[in-house]
Amino acid sequence: MTHRILLFLSALSAVGLAGCCGPAKVDAASETLSAADAETLMAAAQETLGRMLFVMDKYDVEAGYLCTRPLRGGQFFELWRQDNASAQAFGQANLDSIRRTVEVFVEPADNTRAQLRCVVTVERLTLPPLPVRSMSQMAGMYTMGTQVRQSLILEREQARKMEWVSLGHDHALENRILTQIQHRLRKG
């Protein structure tokens, strides 16, 4: 009996300590890459982002700018997805409706070289709650679902107030993209 209590208390303290840990620190300043010309950097960035399933929205070599369409966050069963670069991003993508947009900037570093900078913006979908009049209506707090059947039917006013809220930048994904672009440049 005391062995079970001791095991229970140790498991409880481990869970409590894990819950008190802050998020993993990721280097806030993402790196930059440099190459001989901007066209090479832009082509490598376009191919890398395409392989990561990002769809190009804007691609301008002369301006040194590439922007993708928002990509919905990969879920736990999508093993082929590469957009969850950290455990925190993986958990967030599975709990919330998030999307990521990648912007690549190619700027001249000096007279002979160009440098590439990557910015990943993360957004979360927010739905305004419906008025709840009793506990039996909690299942329909955000949509017109019931306790038995959940649905994603929104009221007209709710759909109008639905919006994507910025969560900042995903520095881990920025660094992963830069690493893959650098690998592609070395590969040739």
Protein backbone atom coordinates (compact mmCIF):
# COMPACT_ATOMS: atom_id res chain seq x y z
CA MET A 1 0.00 0.00 0.00
CA THR A 2 2.77 2.49 0.86
CA HIS A 3 4.56 1.49 -2.36
CA ARG A 4 1.49 2.55 -4.37
CA ILE A 5 1.20 5.83 -2.49
CA LEU A 6 4.90 6.55 -3.02
CA LEU A 7 4.59 5.75 -6.73
CA PHE A 8 1.50 7.95 -7.02
CA LEU A 9 3.18 10.88 -5.24
CA SER A 10 6.31 10.64 -7.38
CA ALA A 11 4.22 10.54 -10.57
CA LEU A 12 2.18 13.50 -9.34
CA SER A 13 5.30 15.53 -8.57
CA ALA A 14 6.81 14.69 -11.97
CA VAL A 15 3.65 15.88 -13.72
CA GLY A 16 3.61 19.00 -11.56
CA LEU A 17 7.23 19.82 -12.34
CA ALA A 18 6.71 19.24 -16.06
CA GLY A 19 3.77 21.63 -16.01
CA CYS A 20 5.88 24.31 -14.34
CA CYS A 21 8.58 24.24 -17.01
CA GLY A 22 8.56 27.14 -19.43
CA PRO A 23 8.60 26.70 -23.18
CA ALA A 24 11.87 25.66 -24.76
CA LYS A 25 14.02 28.66 -25.58
CA VAL A 26 14.65 29.08 -29.28
CA ASP A 27 17.20 31.49 -30.67
CA ALA A 28 15.16 34.62 -31.31
CA ALA A 29 17.45 36.02 -33.97
CA SER A 30 17.27 33.89 -37.06
CA GLU A 31 20.36 33.64 -39.18
CA THR A 32 20.92 34.79 -42.72
CA LEU A 33 22.46 32.98 -45.67
CA SER A 34 24.71 34.46 -48.31
CA ALA A 35 25.54 33.37 -51.85
CA ALA A 36 27.12 34.77 -54.98
CA ASP A 37 23.88 35.94 -56.59
CA ALA A 38 20.26 36.63 -55.67
CA GLU A 39 18.82 34.35 -58.37
CA THR A 40 20.53 31.30 -56.84
CA LEU A 41 19.19 32.14 -53.38
CA MET A 42 15.66 32.75 -54.66
CA ALA A 43 15.61 29.51 -56.67
CA ALA A 44 16.87 27.50 -53.68
CA ALA A 45 14.27 29.13 -51.41
CA GLN A 46 11.46 28.45 -53.87
CA GLU A 47 12.41 24.79 -54.26
CA THR A 48 12.87 24.28 -50.51
CA LEU A 49 9.52 25.85 -49.61
CA GLY A 50 7.79 23.87 -52.35
CA ARG A 51 9.17 20.64 -50.93
CA MET A 52 7.85 21.71 -47.51
CA LEU A 53 4.35 22.00 -49.12
CA PHE A 54 4.18 25.80 -49.02
CA VAL A 55 2.40 27.29 -52.05
CA MET A 56 4.02 30.37 -53.59
CA ASP A 57 1.92 33.53 -53.57
CA LYS A 58 4.47 36.14 -54.70
CA TYR A 59 7.85 35.51 -56.32
CA ASP A 60 9.86 38.52 -57.50
CA VAL A 61 13.55 37.96 -58.20
CA GLU A 62 14.23 41.61 -59.04
CA ALA A 63 12.77 42.82 -55.74
CA GLY A 64 14.30 39.88 -53.85
CA TYR A 65 10.96 38.91 -52.31
CA LEU A 66 9.15 35.60 -51.97
CA CYS A 67 5.91 35.10 -50.04
CA THR A 68 3.85 31.94 -49.56
CA ARG A 69 0.16 31.48 -49.05
CA PRO A 70 -0.83 30.61 -45.48
CA LEU A 71 -0.30 26.90 -44.74
CA ARG A 72 -2.50 25.22 -42.13
CA GLY A 73 -0.47 23.70 -39.28
CA GLY A 74 0.41 20.02 -39.66
CA GLN A 75 -1.52 17.56 -37.48
CA PHE A 76 -0.08 14.55 -35.60
CA PHE A 77 -1.20 12.07 -38.27
CA GLU A 78 0.44 14.01 -41.12
CA LEU A 79 3.87 12.42 -40.87
CA TRP A 80 5.08 13.92 -44.15
CA ARG A 81 4.65 17.53 -42.98
CA GLN A 82 7.74 19.57 -42.08
CA ASP A 83 6.20 22.80 -40.80
CA ASN A 84 6.20 21.88 -37.09
CA ALA A 85 9.83 22.62 -36.24
CA SER A 86 9.55 22.27 -32.45
CA ALA A 87 7.54 20.31 -29.90
CA GLN A 88 5.75 23.50 -28.88
CA ALA A 89 4.74 24.20 -32.51
CA PHE A 90 3.59 20.59 -32.89
CA GLY A 91 1.39 20.82 -29.80
CA GLN A 92 0.01 24.19 -30.82
CA ALA A 93 -0.86 22.94 -34.31
CA ASN A 94 -2.76 19.99 -32.83
CA LEU A 95 -4.70 22.05 -30.27
CA ASP A 96 -5.49 25.22 -32.23
CA SER A 97 -6.32 26.08 -35.81
CA ILE A 98 -3.10 27.78 -36.88
CA ARG A 99 -1.52 28.77 -40.15
CA ARG A 100 1.98 29.86 -41.11
CA THR A 101 3.12 32.26 -43.82
CA VAL A 102 6.76 32.41 -44.98
CA GLU A 103 8.41 35.53 -46.36
CA VAL A 104 11.91 35.42 -47.84
CA PHE A 105 13.95 38.58 -48.39
CA VAL A 106 17.09 38.60 -50.54
CA GLU A 107 19.17 41.73 -50.08
CA PRO A 108 22.65 42.74 -51.24
CA ALA A 109 25.26 42.04 -48.57
CA ASP A 110 28.14 43.75 -50.37
CA ASN A 111 29.22 44.34 -53.98
CA THR A 112 29.60 40.65 -54.84
CA ARG A 113 27.24 38.73 -52.58
CA ALA A 114 23.57 38.62 -51.62
CA GLN A 115 22.05 37.51 -48.32
CA LEU A 116 18.77 35.73 -47.60
CA ARG A 117 16.56 36.33 -44.58
CA CYS A 118 13.47 34.27 -43.71
CA VAL A 119 10.44 35.36 -41.62
CA VAL A 120 7.67 32.94 -40.60
CA THR A 121 4.45 34.47 -39.25
CA VAL A 122 2.06 32.30 -37.20
CA GLU A 123 -1.65 33.06 -36.84
CA ARG A 124 -4.45 31.40 -34.84
CA LEU A 125 -8.13 31.29 -35.78
CA THR A 126 -10.44 32.76 -33.16
CA LEU A 127 -14.18 32.24 -33.02
CA PRO A 128 -16.38 34.46 -30.87
CA PRO A 129 -18.39 32.35 -28.40
CA LEU A 130 -22.14 32.04 -28.59
CA PRO A 131 -24.16 32.99 -25.50
CA VAL A 132 -24.51 30.03 -23.12
CA ARG A 133 -27.70 29.96 -21.12
CA SER A 134 -27.25 26.61 -19.36
CA MET A 135 -24.68 23.84 -18.89
CA SER A 136 -26.48 21.64 -21.39
CA GLN A 137 -25.62 24.19 -24.10
CA MET A 138 -21.85 24.07 -23.48
CA ALA A 139 -21.34 21.72 -26.45
CA GLY A 140 -22.66 24.48 -28.69
CA MET A 141 -20.57 27.28 -27.20
CA TYR A 142 -18.63 27.97 -30.40
CA THR A 143 -20.63 26.19 -33.11
CA MET A 144 -24.15 24.89 -33.55
CA GLY A 145 -23.16 21.41 -32.32
CA THR A 146 -24.88 19.29 -29.70
CA GLN A 147 -23.56 16.93 -27.01
CA VAL A 148 -24.01 13.99 -29.37
CA ARG A 149 -22.91 15.51 -32.66
CA GLN A 150 -20.38 18.28 -33.18
CA SER A 151 -20.66 20.41 -36.30
CA LEU A 152 -18.83 23.39 -37.70
CA ILE A 153 -21.87 25.42 -38.70
CA LEU A 154 -21.41 29.04 -37.68
CA GLU A 155 -24.02 31.71 -37.24
CA ARG A 156 -23.79 34.63 -39.67
CA GLU A 157 -22.64 37.05 -36.96
CA GLN A 158 -20.03 34.56 -35.74
CA ALA A 159 -18.64 34.02 -39.23
CA ARG A 160 -18.35 37.78 -39.66
CA LYS A 161 -16.37 38.16 -36.41
CA MET A 162 -14.11 35.17 -37.06
CA GLU A 163 -10.50 36.32 -37.50
CA TRP A 164 -6.87 35.22 -37.61
CA VAL A 165 -4.85 36.60 -34.69
CA SER A 166 -1.09 36.96 -35.03
CA LEU A 167 0.96 34.85 -32.61
CA GLY A 168 4.31 36.28 -33.70
CA HIS A 169 7.16 34.52 -35.45
CA ASP A 170 8.21 30.86 -35.50
CA HIS A 171 11.99 31.15 -35.11
CA ALA A 172 12.50 27.38 -35.04
CA LEU A 173 10.85 27.01 -38.46
CA GLU A 174 12.81 29.98 -39.80
CA ASN A 175 16.05 28.27 -38.80
CA ARG A 176 14.88 24.93 -40.25
CA ILE A 177 14.06 26.59 -43.58
CA LEU A 178 17.43 28.36 -43.66
CA THR A 179 19.21 25.09 -42.89
CA GLN A 180 17.41 23.30 -45.72
CA ILE A 181 18.14 26.14 -48.16
CA GLN A 182 21.80 26.04 -47.14
CA HIS A 183 21.85 22.26 -47.69
CA ARG A 184 20.29 22.75 -51.14
CA LEU A 185 22.91 25.39 -52.02
CA ARG A 186 25.76 23.07 -51.02
CA LYS A 187 24.20 20.21 -52.95
CA GLY A 188 24.11 22.37 -56.06
